[in-house]
Amino acid sequence: MASGGSKPVASILLVLNLVLYVLVTIIALWAVNHGIERSLEAASRLPIPARIFPIYFPIGNMATGFFIIFSLIAGVVGIMTSLTGLHNLSQWNAPNLNAAAVSSFTTWGLTVLAMGFACKEIELGWTDSNLRTLEIITIIVTATQMLCTGVIHVGVSEAPRITY
């Protein structure tokens, strides 16, 4: 049995993740808006295969579109997971913590996918400073989400069981 210190640690990590996921969502929304506004003029100068590429962004490189879309999905899911996780932690019983653990693990998986595209974008090079900021925040939130998932899983073992 754990010492009982996982509840405050999980709460702090959930609040931190909430702030980071809000930042990820805001920057990704800006990039989507910027891409929509400028893609027609920038894509018209590209050769045919790249012109019909469905996820083209005029900033960054060819991995940017996938990175932005998956960062946006991970950000929105991460915000909801953090909010529901805070509610589930306030209840502090096994069913609520199991729900928080599953949603936290799912969000971590989406964030790892976005981080993979961030790494690919870094490898290809030539990105805007806003995209570099999004890459860095995505990598940081992947680590904090992994820690949060682990702490919630530890909390499941120390939570009181509900018997009927």
N, C-alpha and C. Protein backbone atom coordinates (compact mmCIF):
# COMPACT_ATOMS: atom_id res chain seq x y z
N MET A 1 0.84 -1.17 0.00
CA MET A 1 0.00 0.00 0.00
C MET A 1 0.90 1.24 0.00
N ALA A 2 0.51 2.24 -0.76
CA ALA A 2 1.30 3.47 -0.88
C ALA A 2 1.08 4.34 0.35
N SER A 3 1.85 5.38 0.45
CA SER A 3 1.82 6.22 1.64
C SER A 3 0.68 7.22 1.65
N GLY A 4 -0.08 7.36 0.59
CA GLY A 4 -1.20 8.29 0.56
C GLY A 4 -0.84 9.65 0.01
N GLY A 5 0.33 9.82 -0.53
CA GLY A 5 0.73 11.12 -1.05
C GLY A 5 0.46 11.30 -2.53
N SER A 6 -0.23 10.36 -3.15
CA SER A 6 -0.43 10.49 -4.58
C SER A 6 -1.57 11.43 -4.94
N LYS A 7 -2.51 11.68 -4.03
CA LYS A 7 -3.62 12.58 -4.34
C LYS A 7 -3.15 14.01 -4.59
N PRO A 8 -2.33 14.63 -3.73
CA PRO A 8 -1.88 15.99 -4.02
C PRO A 8 -0.95 16.06 -5.23
N VAL A 9 -0.13 15.05 -5.42
CA VAL A 9 0.77 15.04 -6.59
C VAL A 9 -0.04 14.94 -7.87
N ALA A 10 -1.04 14.07 -7.88
CA ALA A 10 -1.89 13.93 -9.06
C ALA A 10 -2.67 15.21 -9.32
N SER A 11 -3.13 15.87 -8.28
CA SER A 11 -3.86 17.14 -8.46
C SER A 11 -2.97 18.21 -9.07
N ILE A 12 -1.74 18.31 -8.58
CA ILE A 12 -0.81 19.30 -9.13
C ILE A 12 -0.49 19.00 -10.59
N LEU A 13 -0.25 17.72 -10.89
CA LEU A 13 0.05 17.34 -12.28
C LEU A 13 -1.14 17.56 -13.19
N LEU A 14 -2.35 17.33 -12.71
CA LEU A 14 -3.54 17.57 -13.53
C LEU A 14 -3.73 19.05 -13.82
N VAL A 15 -3.48 19.91 -12.83
CA VAL A 15 -3.59 21.35 -13.06
C VAL A 15 -2.50 21.81 -14.04
N LEU A 16 -1.28 21.32 -13.86
CA LEU A 16 -0.20 21.65 -14.78
C LEU A 16 -0.53 21.19 -16.20
N ASN A 17 -1.04 19.96 -16.33
CA ASN A 17 -1.42 19.46 -17.65
C ASN A 17 -2.55 20.27 -18.25
N LEU A 18 -3.49 20.71 -17.43
CA LEU A 18 -4.58 21.54 -17.93
C LEU A 18 -4.05 22.81 -18.56
N VAL A 19 -3.11 23.46 -17.88
CA VAL A 19 -2.51 24.69 -18.42
C VAL A 19 -1.74 24.39 -19.71
N LEU A 20 -0.95 23.33 -19.71
CA LEU A 20 -0.17 22.98 -20.89
C LEU A 20 -1.06 22.60 -22.07
N TYR A 21 -2.11 21.85 -21.82
CA TYR A 21 -3.01 21.46 -22.91
C TYR A 21 -3.79 22.67 -23.45
N VAL A 22 -4.11 23.63 -22.59
CA VAL A 22 -4.75 24.85 -23.09
C VAL A 22 -3.79 25.60 -24.01
N LEU A 23 -2.51 25.68 -23.62
CA LEU A 23 -1.52 26.33 -24.49
C LEU A 23 -1.37 25.59 -25.82
N VAL A 24 -1.32 24.26 -25.77
CA VAL A 24 -1.21 23.46 -26.99
C VAL A 24 -2.41 23.73 -27.90
N THR A 25 -3.59 23.75 -27.32
CA THR A 25 -4.81 23.97 -28.12
C THR A 25 -4.82 25.36 -28.73
N ILE A 26 -4.44 26.37 -27.98
CA ILE A 26 -4.44 27.75 -28.50
C ILE A 26 -3.45 27.89 -29.65
N ILE A 27 -2.24 27.38 -29.49
CA ILE A 27 -1.24 27.51 -30.55
C ILE A 27 -1.64 26.69 -31.77
N ALA A 28 -2.19 25.49 -31.55
CA ALA A 28 -2.63 24.67 -32.68
C ALA A 28 -3.80 25.31 -33.41
N LEU A 29 -4.72 25.93 -32.68
CA LEU A 29 -5.82 26.64 -33.33
C LEU A 29 -5.32 27.81 -34.15
N TRP A 30 -4.32 28.53 -33.62
CA TRP A 30 -3.73 29.62 -34.40
C TRP A 30 -3.11 29.08 -35.68
N ALA A 31 -2.41 27.97 -35.58
CA ALA A 31 -1.75 27.40 -36.77
C ALA A 31 -2.77 26.92 -37.79
N VAL A 32 -3.86 26.33 -37.34
CA VAL A 32 -4.91 25.91 -38.27
C VAL A 32 -5.52 27.12 -38.96
N ASN A 33 -5.82 28.16 -38.20
CA ASN A 33 -6.38 29.38 -38.79
C ASN A 33 -5.40 30.00 -39.77
N HIS A 34 -4.15 30.08 -39.40
CA HIS A 34 -3.11 30.65 -40.29
C HIS A 34 -2.97 29.80 -41.55
N GLY A 35 -3.02 28.49 -41.39
CA GLY A 35 -2.91 27.60 -42.53
C GLY A 35 -4.08 27.73 -43.49
N ILE A 36 -5.28 27.88 -42.95
CA ILE A 36 -6.46 28.02 -43.80
C ILE A 36 -6.41 29.34 -44.56
N GLU A 37 -6.00 30.41 -43.89
CA GLU A 37 -5.96 31.72 -44.54
C GLU A 37 -4.90 31.81 -45.63
N ARG A 38 -3.75 31.16 -45.45
CA ARG A 38 -2.66 31.32 -46.39
C ARG A 38 -2.41 30.14 -47.31
N SER A 39 -3.13 29.04 -47.15
CA SER A 39 -2.81 27.85 -47.94
C SER A 39 -3.15 27.99 -49.41
N LEU A 40 -4.19 28.72 -49.77
CA LEU A 40 -4.56 28.83 -51.17
C LEU A 40 -3.48 29.54 -51.97
N GLU A 41 -2.99 30.65 -51.45
CA GLU A 41 -1.95 31.38 -52.19
C GLU A 41 -0.62 30.64 -52.20
N ALA A 42 -0.28 29.98 -51.11
CA ALA A 42 1.00 29.27 -51.05
C ALA A 42 0.95 27.96 -51.84
N ALA A 43 -0.17 27.27 -51.81
CA ALA A 43 -0.27 25.98 -52.50
C ALA A 43 -0.36 26.15 -54.01
N SER A 44 -0.78 27.30 -54.47
CA SER A 44 -0.90 27.49 -55.92
C SER A 44 0.48 27.52 -56.60
N ARG A 45 1.53 27.79 -55.86
CA ARG A 45 2.88 27.83 -56.42
C ARG A 45 3.59 26.49 -56.36
N LEU A 46 2.97 25.50 -55.73
CA LEU A 46 3.59 24.18 -55.58
C LEU A 46 3.35 23.31 -56.81
N PRO A 47 4.22 22.32 -57.03
CA PRO A 47 3.95 21.37 -58.12
C PRO A 47 2.72 20.50 -57.77
N ILE A 48 2.21 19.82 -58.76
CA ILE A 48 0.95 19.09 -58.65
C ILE A 48 0.86 18.12 -57.47
N PRO A 49 1.80 17.22 -57.19
CA PRO A 49 1.55 16.31 -56.07
C PRO A 49 1.39 17.04 -54.74
N ALA A 50 2.18 18.05 -54.50
CA ALA A 50 2.09 18.76 -53.23
C ALA A 50 0.87 19.67 -53.20
N ARG A 51 0.42 20.15 -54.34
CA ARG A 51 -0.74 21.04 -54.39
C ARG A 51 -2.01 20.33 -53.96
N ILE A 52 -2.12 19.06 -54.27
CA ILE A 52 -3.34 18.33 -53.91
C ILE A 52 -3.19 17.57 -52.59
N PHE A 53 -2.08 17.77 -51.89
CA PHE A 53 -1.87 17.14 -50.59
C PHE A 53 -2.92 17.70 -49.63
N PRO A 54 -3.70 16.86 -48.97
CA PRO A 54 -4.84 17.37 -48.21
C PRO A 54 -4.49 18.15 -46.95
N ILE A 55 -3.34 17.91 -46.38
CA ILE A 55 -2.98 18.60 -45.15
C ILE A 55 -1.70 19.39 -45.42
N TYR A 56 -1.82 20.48 -46.13
CA TYR A 56 -0.67 21.33 -46.42
C TYR A 56 -0.78 22.59 -45.58
N PHE A 57 0.31 22.97 -44.95
CA PHE A 57 0.36 24.21 -44.20
C PHE A 57 1.47 25.08 -44.78
N PRO A 58 1.21 26.36 -45.00
CA PRO A 58 2.22 27.23 -45.59
C PRO A 58 3.38 27.56 -44.65
N ILE A 59 3.25 27.19 -43.39
CA ILE A 59 4.36 27.36 -42.44
C ILE A 59 4.90 25.99 -42.12
N GLY A 60 6.15 25.90 -41.84
CA GLY A 60 6.74 24.62 -41.47
C GLY A 60 7.11 23.77 -42.67
N ASN A 61 7.02 22.46 -42.50
CA ASN A 61 7.41 21.52 -43.55
C ASN A 61 6.26 20.54 -43.79
N MET A 62 6.53 19.44 -44.47
CA MET A 62 5.45 18.53 -44.84
C MET A 62 4.90 17.74 -43.65
N ALA A 63 5.56 17.73 -42.52
CA ALA A 63 5.03 17.06 -41.32
C ALA A 63 4.16 18.00 -40.49
N THR A 64 4.16 19.27 -40.83
CA THR A 64 3.46 20.26 -40.01
C THR A 64 1.96 20.00 -39.96
N GLY A 65 1.35 19.66 -41.07
CA GLY A 65 -0.09 19.44 -41.09
C GLY A 65 -0.53 18.34 -40.14
N PHE A 66 0.16 17.22 -40.20
CA PHE A 66 -0.17 16.12 -39.29
C PHE A 66 0.08 16.51 -37.84
N PHE A 67 1.20 17.19 -37.61
CA PHE A 67 1.54 17.60 -36.25
C PHE A 67 0.48 18.54 -35.68
N ILE A 68 0.04 19.50 -36.47
CA ILE A 68 -0.95 20.47 -36.00
C ILE A 68 -2.28 19.77 -35.70
N ILE A 69 -2.73 18.91 -36.60
CA ILE A 69 -4.02 18.24 -36.41
C ILE A 69 -3.98 17.35 -35.16
N PHE A 70 -2.94 16.55 -35.01
CA PHE A 70 -2.88 15.66 -33.85
C PHE A 70 -2.62 16.42 -32.55
N SER A 71 -1.91 17.55 -32.63
CA SER A 71 -1.74 18.38 -31.43
C SER A 71 -3.06 18.99 -31.01
N LEU A 72 -3.87 19.40 -31.98
CA LEU A 72 -5.17 19.96 -31.66
C LEU A 72 -6.08 18.91 -31.02
N ILE A 73 -6.08 17.71 -31.58
CA ILE A 73 -6.90 16.63 -31.00
C ILE A 73 -6.41 16.29 -29.60
N ALA A 74 -5.09 16.14 -29.43
CA ALA A 74 -4.54 15.81 -28.11
C ALA A 74 -4.80 16.94 -27.12
N GLY A 75 -4.75 18.18 -27.57
CA GLY A 75 -5.00 19.31 -26.68
C GLY A 75 -6.43 19.34 -26.17
N VAL A 76 -7.39 19.15 -27.06
CA VAL A 76 -8.79 19.19 -26.65
C VAL A 76 -9.12 18.00 -25.75
N VAL A 77 -8.65 16.81 -26.11
CA VAL A 77 -8.89 15.64 -25.27
C VAL A 77 -8.16 15.80 -23.94
N GLY A 78 -6.97 16.39 -23.95
CA GLY A 78 -6.22 16.60 -22.71
C GLY A 78 -6.90 17.58 -21.77
N ILE A 79 -7.52 18.62 -22.32
CA ILE A 79 -8.25 19.56 -21.48
C ILE A 79 -9.41 18.85 -20.78
N MET A 80 -10.16 18.08 -21.55
CA MET A 80 -11.30 17.38 -20.96
C MET A 80 -10.85 16.31 -19.96
N THR A 81 -9.77 15.62 -20.27
CA THR A 81 -9.26 14.62 -19.33
C THR A 81 -8.79 15.26 -18.03
N SER A 82 -8.13 16.40 -18.14
CA SER A 82 -7.66 17.07 -16.92
C SER A 82 -8.83 17.55 -16.07
N LEU A 83 -9.84 18.09 -16.70
CA LEU A 83 -11.00 18.56 -15.94
C LEU A 83 -11.76 17.41 -15.29
N THR A 84 -12.02 16.36 -16.06
CA THR A 84 -12.71 15.21 -15.46
C THR A 84 -11.82 14.48 -14.46
N GLY A 85 -10.51 14.48 -14.70
CA GLY A 85 -9.58 13.87 -13.75
C GLY A 85 -9.58 14.59 -12.42
N LEU A 86 -9.65 15.91 -12.45
CA LEU A 86 -9.73 16.67 -11.19
C LEU A 86 -11.01 16.34 -10.44
N HIS A 87 -12.11 16.20 -11.17
CA HIS A 87 -13.37 15.81 -10.53
C HIS A 87 -13.27 14.39 -9.95
N ASN A 88 -12.72 13.48 -10.72
CA ASN A 88 -12.59 12.10 -10.26
C ASN A 88 -11.66 12.00 -9.06
N LEU A 89 -10.61 12.80 -9.03
CA LEU A 89 -9.70 12.78 -7.89
C LEU A 89 -10.37 13.34 -6.64
N SER A 90 -11.28 14.28 -6.81
CA SER A 90 -11.97 14.82 -5.64
C SER A 90 -12.86 13.76 -4.98
N GLN A 91 -13.35 12.81 -5.75
CA GLN A 91 -14.16 11.72 -5.19
C GLN A 91 -13.29 10.70 -4.46
N TRP A 92 -12.12 10.40 -4.99
CA TRP A 92 -11.10 9.51 -4.43
C TRP A 92 -11.65 8.16 -3.99
N ASN A 93 -12.28 7.48 -4.94
CA ASN A 93 -12.65 6.09 -4.71
C ASN A 93 -12.26 5.30 -5.95
N ALA A 94 -12.29 3.99 -5.83
CA ALA A 94 -11.75 3.14 -6.89
C ALA A 94 -12.44 3.32 -8.25
N PRO A 95 -13.76 3.36 -8.34
CA PRO A 95 -14.37 3.52 -9.66
C PRO A 95 -14.01 4.84 -10.35
N ASN A 96 -13.99 5.91 -9.59
CA ASN A 96 -13.63 7.20 -10.19
C ASN A 96 -12.17 7.25 -10.58
N LEU A 97 -11.30 6.68 -9.77
CA LEU A 97 -9.88 6.67 -10.12
C LEU A 97 -9.59 5.75 -11.30
N ASN A 98 -10.33 4.67 -11.42
CA ASN A 98 -10.16 3.83 -12.60
C ASN A 98 -10.57 4.56 -13.87
N ALA A 99 -11.65 5.32 -13.79
CA ALA A 99 -12.07 6.13 -14.95
C ALA A 99 -11.02 7.18 -15.28
N ALA A 100 -10.45 7.82 -14.25
CA ALA A 100 -9.40 8.81 -14.48
C ALA A 100 -8.15 8.16 -15.07
N ALA A 101 -7.84 6.94 -14.62
CA ALA A 101 -6.64 6.26 -15.12
C ALA A 101 -6.80 5.90 -16.59
N VAL A 102 -7.96 5.43 -16.98
CA VAL A 102 -8.18 5.05 -18.38
C VAL A 102 -8.16 6.27 -19.29
N SER A 103 -8.83 7.34 -18.89
CA SER A 103 -8.83 8.53 -19.73
C SER A 103 -7.46 9.18 -19.78
N SER A 104 -6.72 9.11 -18.69
CA SER A 104 -5.37 9.65 -18.68
C SER A 104 -4.45 8.86 -19.60
N PHE A 105 -4.58 7.55 -19.60
CA PHE A 105 -3.77 6.70 -20.48
C PHE A 105 -4.11 6.95 -21.95
N THR A 106 -5.39 7.13 -22.26
CA THR A 106 -5.82 7.42 -23.63
C THR A 106 -5.26 8.76 -24.09
N THR A 107 -5.33 9.76 -23.24
CA THR A 107 -4.80 11.08 -23.58
C THR A 107 -3.29 11.01 -23.77
N TRP A 108 -2.62 10.24 -22.94
CA TRP A 108 -1.17 10.10 -23.09
C TRP A 108 -0.84 9.48 -24.44
N GLY A 109 -1.63 8.49 -24.87
CA GLY A 109 -1.40 7.88 -26.18
C GLY A 109 -1.55 8.88 -27.32
N LEU A 110 -2.59 9.71 -27.26
CA LEU A 110 -2.76 10.75 -28.29
C LEU A 110 -1.62 11.76 -28.25
N THR A 111 -1.17 12.09 -27.06
CA THR A 111 -0.09 13.07 -26.93
C THR A 111 1.23 12.49 -27.44
N VAL A 112 1.45 11.20 -27.21
CA VAL A 112 2.66 10.56 -27.74
C VAL A 112 2.63 10.57 -29.27
N LEU A 113 1.45 10.36 -29.85
CA LEU A 113 1.32 10.43 -31.30
C LEU A 113 1.66 11.83 -31.82
N ALA A 114 1.14 12.85 -31.16
CA ALA A 114 1.47 14.23 -31.54
C ALA A 114 2.96 14.51 -31.34
N MET A 115 3.54 13.98 -30.27
CA MET A 115 4.97 14.17 -30.03
C MET A 115 5.80 13.49 -31.12
N GLY A 116 5.35 12.36 -31.62
CA GLY A 116 6.05 11.69 -32.71
C GLY A 116 6.10 12.56 -33.95
N PHE A 117 4.99 13.20 -34.27
CA PHE A 117 4.99 14.11 -35.41
C PHE A 117 5.82 15.36 -35.13
N ALA A 118 5.87 15.78 -33.86
CA ALA A 118 6.74 16.91 -33.51
C ALA A 118 8.20 16.55 -33.73
N CYS A 119 8.58 15.34 -33.35
CA CYS A 119 9.95 14.90 -33.57
C CYS A 119 10.27 14.81 -35.06
N LYS A 120 9.31 14.34 -35.85
CA LYS A 120 9.52 14.28 -37.29
C LYS A 120 9.66 15.68 -37.87
N GLU A 121 8.86 16.61 -37.38
CA GLU A 121 8.96 17.98 -37.86
C GLU A 121 10.30 18.61 -37.48
N ILE A 122 10.79 18.31 -36.29
CA ILE A 122 12.10 18.80 -35.87
C ILE A 122 13.18 18.21 -36.76
N GLU A 123 13.05 16.92 -37.08
CA GLU A 123 14.04 16.25 -37.93
C GLU A 123 14.08 16.87 -39.33
N LEU A 124 12.91 17.19 -39.89
CA LEU A 124 12.87 17.78 -41.23
C LEU A 124 13.37 19.23 -41.25
N GLY A 125 13.22 19.93 -40.14
CA GLY A 125 13.75 21.29 -40.02
C GLY A 125 12.86 22.35 -40.59
N TRP A 126 13.32 23.57 -40.52
CA TRP A 126 12.68 24.79 -40.99
C TRP A 126 11.26 24.94 -40.48
N THR A 127 11.14 25.38 -39.24
CA THR A 127 9.83 25.67 -38.68
C THR A 127 9.81 27.08 -38.12
N ASP A 128 8.63 27.60 -38.02
CA ASP A 128 8.38 28.92 -37.47
C ASP A 128 8.60 28.89 -35.95
N SER A 129 8.80 30.04 -35.34
CA SER A 129 9.03 30.07 -33.89
C SER A 129 7.79 29.63 -33.12
N ASN A 130 6.60 29.92 -33.64
CA ASN A 130 5.38 29.45 -32.97
C ASN A 130 5.29 27.93 -33.02
N LEU A 131 5.70 27.36 -34.13
CA LEU A 131 5.69 25.90 -34.23
C LEU A 131 6.73 25.27 -33.32
N ARG A 132 7.89 25.91 -33.18
CA ARG A 132 8.89 25.40 -32.24
C ARG A 132 8.36 25.43 -30.81
N THR A 133 7.63 26.48 -30.49
CA THR A 133 7.01 26.56 -29.17
C THR A 133 6.02 25.43 -28.97
N LEU A 134 5.20 25.17 -29.98
CA LEU A 134 4.23 24.07 -29.90
C LEU A 134 4.94 22.73 -29.78
N GLU A 135 6.04 22.55 -30.50
CA GLU A 135 6.80 21.30 -30.41
C GLU A 135 7.33 21.09 -28.99
N ILE A 136 7.89 22.13 -28.41
CA ILE A 136 8.47 22.03 -27.07
C ILE A 136 7.38 21.74 -26.03
N ILE A 137 6.26 22.46 -26.11
CA ILE A 137 5.18 22.25 -25.15
C ILE A 137 4.61 20.85 -25.30
N THR A 138 4.50 20.36 -26.54
CA THR A 138 3.98 19.01 -26.76
C THR A 138 4.90 17.96 -26.14
N ILE A 139 6.20 18.15 -26.28
CA ILE A 139 7.14 17.19 -25.70
C ILE A 139 7.09 17.25 -24.17
N ILE A 140 6.97 18.44 -23.61
CA ILE A 140 6.89 18.58 -22.15
C ILE A 140 5.60 17.95 -21.63
N VAL A 141 4.47 18.23 -22.30
CA VAL A 141 3.19 17.71 -21.81
C VAL A 141 3.11 16.19 -21.97
N THR A 142 3.87 15.63 -22.90
CA THR A 142 3.93 14.17 -23.01
C THR A 142 4.56 13.58 -21.75
N ALA A 143 5.63 14.19 -21.29
CA ALA A 143 6.29 13.70 -20.08
C ALA A 143 5.41 13.90 -18.84
N THR A 144 4.80 15.07 -18.70
CA THR A 144 3.97 15.31 -17.51
C THR A 144 2.71 14.45 -17.53
N GLN A 145 2.17 14.18 -18.72
CA GLN A 145 1.00 13.31 -18.80
C GLN A 145 1.37 11.87 -18.43
N MET A 146 2.57 11.43 -18.81
CA MET A 146 3.01 10.10 -18.43
C MET A 146 3.16 10.00 -16.90
N LEU A 147 3.74 11.03 -16.29
CA LEU A 147 3.87 11.04 -14.83
C LEU A 147 2.50 11.05 -14.16
N CYS A 148 1.59 11.84 -14.68
CA CYS A 148 0.25 11.93 -14.12
C CYS A 148 -0.47 10.58 -14.24
N THR A 149 -0.33 9.91 -15.37
CA THR A 149 -0.94 8.60 -15.56
C THR A 149 -0.39 7.61 -14.54
N GLY A 150 0.91 7.64 -14.32
CA GLY A 150 1.52 6.75 -13.33
C GLY A 150 1.04 7.04 -11.92
N VAL A 151 0.94 8.30 -11.56
CA VAL A 151 0.51 8.66 -10.21
C VAL A 151 -0.95 8.26 -9.99
N ILE A 152 -1.78 8.44 -11.01
CA ILE A 152 -3.18 8.04 -10.87
C ILE A 152 -3.29 6.52 -10.73
N HIS A 153 -2.47 5.78 -11.48
CA HIS A 153 -2.48 4.33 -11.34
C HIS A 153 -2.03 3.89 -9.94
N VAL A 154 -1.08 4.60 -9.35
CA VAL A 154 -0.68 4.31 -7.98
C VAL A 154 -1.83 4.63 -7.02
N GLY A 155 -2.54 5.73 -7.31
CA GLY A 155 -3.67 6.10 -6.46
C GLY A 155 -4.80 5.09 -6.49
N VAL A 156 -4.95 4.37 -7.59
CA VAL A 156 -6.00 3.34 -7.67
C VAL A 156 -5.77 2.26 -6.62
N SER A 157 -4.51 1.92 -6.39
CA SER A 157 -4.21 0.86 -5.42
C SER A 157 -4.44 1.30 -3.98
N GLU A 158 -4.40 2.60 -3.72
CA GLU A 158 -4.59 3.05 -2.33
C GLU A 158 -5.98 3.63 -2.07
N ALA A 159 -6.84 3.66 -3.08
CA ALA A 159 -8.17 4.22 -2.91
C ALA A 159 -9.09 3.20 -2.23
N PRO A 160 -10.05 3.72 -1.47
CA PRO A 160 -11.00 2.78 -0.83
C PRO A 160 -11.92 2.15 -1.86
N ARG A 161 -12.21 0.89 -1.67
CA ARG A 161 -13.11 0.14 -2.56
C ARG A 161 -14.55 0.34 -2.10
N ILE A 162 -15.43 0.41 -3.07
CA ILE A 162 -16.86 0.51 -2.77
C ILE A 162 -17.43 -0.90 -2.83
N THR A 163 -18.07 -1.32 -1.75
CA THR A 163 -18.69 -2.64 -1.75
C THR A 163 -20.20 -2.46 -1.68
N TYR A 164 -20.88 -3.33 -2.37
CA TYR A 164 -22.35 -3.26 -2.40
C TYR A 164 -22.97 -4.40 -1.67
